[in-house]
Amino acid sequence: MTEKDAVKCMKFAQPNWYALPVDAVISDSLERNLTDKIKKLKIKNNGIEHGF
């Protein structure tokens, strides 16, 4: 299972269960696209504007 799932199973995990680390890798173009979208995102909450 992934490390994320292993944390959830710690209380009942068995000695023969293993956890593997997982790292996400995204392309440069996807990273730029997401960054641009986040910068444009503005959320209003109680009259206060949040965002970049």
C-alpha atoms as a PDB file:
ATOM      1  CA  MET A   1       0.000   0.000   0.000  1.00  0.00           C
ATOM      2  CA  THR A   2       1.080   3.630  -0.257  1.00  0.00           C
ATOM      3  CA  GLU A   3       2.525   5.504   2.721  1.00  0.00           C
ATOM      4  CA  LYS A   4      -0.652   7.588   2.795  1.00  0.00           C
ATOM      5  CA  ASP A   5      -2.772   4.471   3.302  1.00  0.00           C
ATOM      6  CA  ALA A   6      -0.292   2.945   5.742  1.00  0.00           C
ATOM      7  CA  VAL A   7      -0.823   5.825   8.166  1.00  0.00           C
ATOM      8  CA  LYS A   8      -4.533   5.004   8.224  1.00  0.00           C
ATOM      9  CA  CYS A   9      -3.826   1.314   8.917  1.00  0.00           C
ATOM     10  CA  MET A  10      -1.212   1.668  11.660  1.00  0.00           C
ATOM     11  CA  LYS A  11      -3.494   0.506  14.493  1.00  0.00           C
ATOM     12  CA  PHE A  12      -4.252  -2.848  12.857  1.00  0.00           C
ATOM     13  CA  ALA A  13      -1.329  -3.353  10.454  1.00  0.00           C
ATOM     14  CA  GLN A  14       0.289  -6.771  10.248  1.00  0.00           C
ATOM     15  CA  PRO A  15       4.067  -7.385  10.211  1.00  0.00           C
ATOM     16  CA  ASN A  16       3.939  -8.660   6.612  1.00  0.00           C
ATOM     17  CA  TRP A  17       2.252  -5.499   5.249  1.00  0.00           C
ATOM     18  CA  TYR A  18       4.487  -3.055   3.425  1.00  0.00           C
ATOM     19  CA  ALA A  19       4.200   0.596   2.496  1.00  0.00           C
ATOM     20  CA  LEU A  20       5.768   2.171  -0.569  1.00  0.00           C
ATOM     21  CA  PRO A  21       6.594   5.861  -0.993  1.00  0.00           C
ATOM     22  CA  VAL A  22       4.910   7.570  -3.937  1.00  0.00           C
ATOM     23  CA  ASP A  23       6.042  10.826  -5.543  1.00  0.00           C
ATOM     24  CA  ALA A  24       4.051  12.704  -8.158  1.00  0.00           C
ATOM     25  CA  VAL A  25       5.959  14.084 -11.137  1.00  0.00           C
ATOM     26  CA  ILE A  26       4.237  16.560 -13.445  1.00  0.00           C
ATOM     27  CA  SER A  27       5.446  18.175 -16.635  1.00  0.00           C
ATOM     28  CA  ASP A  28       6.747  21.751 -16.696  1.00  0.00           C
ATOM     29  CA  SER A  29       3.810  22.833 -18.860  1.00  0.00           C
ATOM     30  CA  LEU A  30       1.260  21.407 -16.406  1.00  0.00           C
ATOM     31  CA  GLU A  31       3.046  23.102 -13.518  1.00  0.00           C
ATOM     32  CA  ARG A  32       2.939  26.464 -15.343  1.00  0.00           C
ATOM     33  CA  ASN A  33      -0.726  25.970 -16.226  1.00  0.00           C
ATOM     34  CA  LEU A  34      -1.690  25.171 -12.630  1.00  0.00           C
ATOM     35  CA  THR A  35       0.374  28.051 -11.266  1.00  0.00           C
ATOM     36  CA  ASP A  36      -1.306  30.483 -13.673  1.00  0.00           C
ATOM     37  CA  LYS A  37      -4.769  29.234 -12.667  1.00  0.00           C
ATOM     38  CA  ILE A  38      -3.974  29.514  -8.957  1.00  0.00           C
ATOM     39  CA  LYS A  39      -2.699  33.062  -9.396  1.00  0.00           C
ATOM     40  CA  LYS A  40      -5.999  33.997 -11.052  1.00  0.00           C
ATOM     41  CA  LEU A  41      -8.092  32.327  -8.370  1.00  0.00           C
ATOM     42  CA  LYS A  42      -9.793  34.651  -5.925  1.00  0.00           C
ATOM     43  CA  ILE A  43     -12.069  33.440  -3.202  1.00  0.00           C
ATOM     44  CA  LYS A  44     -14.381  35.754  -1.289  1.00  0.00           C
ATOM     45  CA  ASN A  45     -15.097  34.838   2.289  1.00  0.00           C
ATOM     46  CA  ASN A  46     -16.923  37.166   4.672  1.00  0.00           C
ATOM     47  CA  GLY A  47     -16.167  40.131   2.466  1.00  0.00           C
ATOM     48  CA  ILE A  48     -12.439  39.413   2.498  1.00  0.00           C
ATOM     49  CA  GLU A  49     -10.795  38.613  -0.810  1.00  0.00           C
ATOM     50  CA  HIS A  50      -8.191  35.857  -0.700  1.00  0.00           C
ATOM     51  CA  GLY A  51      -5.885  34.791  -3.497  1.00  0.00           C
ATOM     52  CA  PHE A  52      -2.629  35.603  -5.176  1.00  0.00           C
END
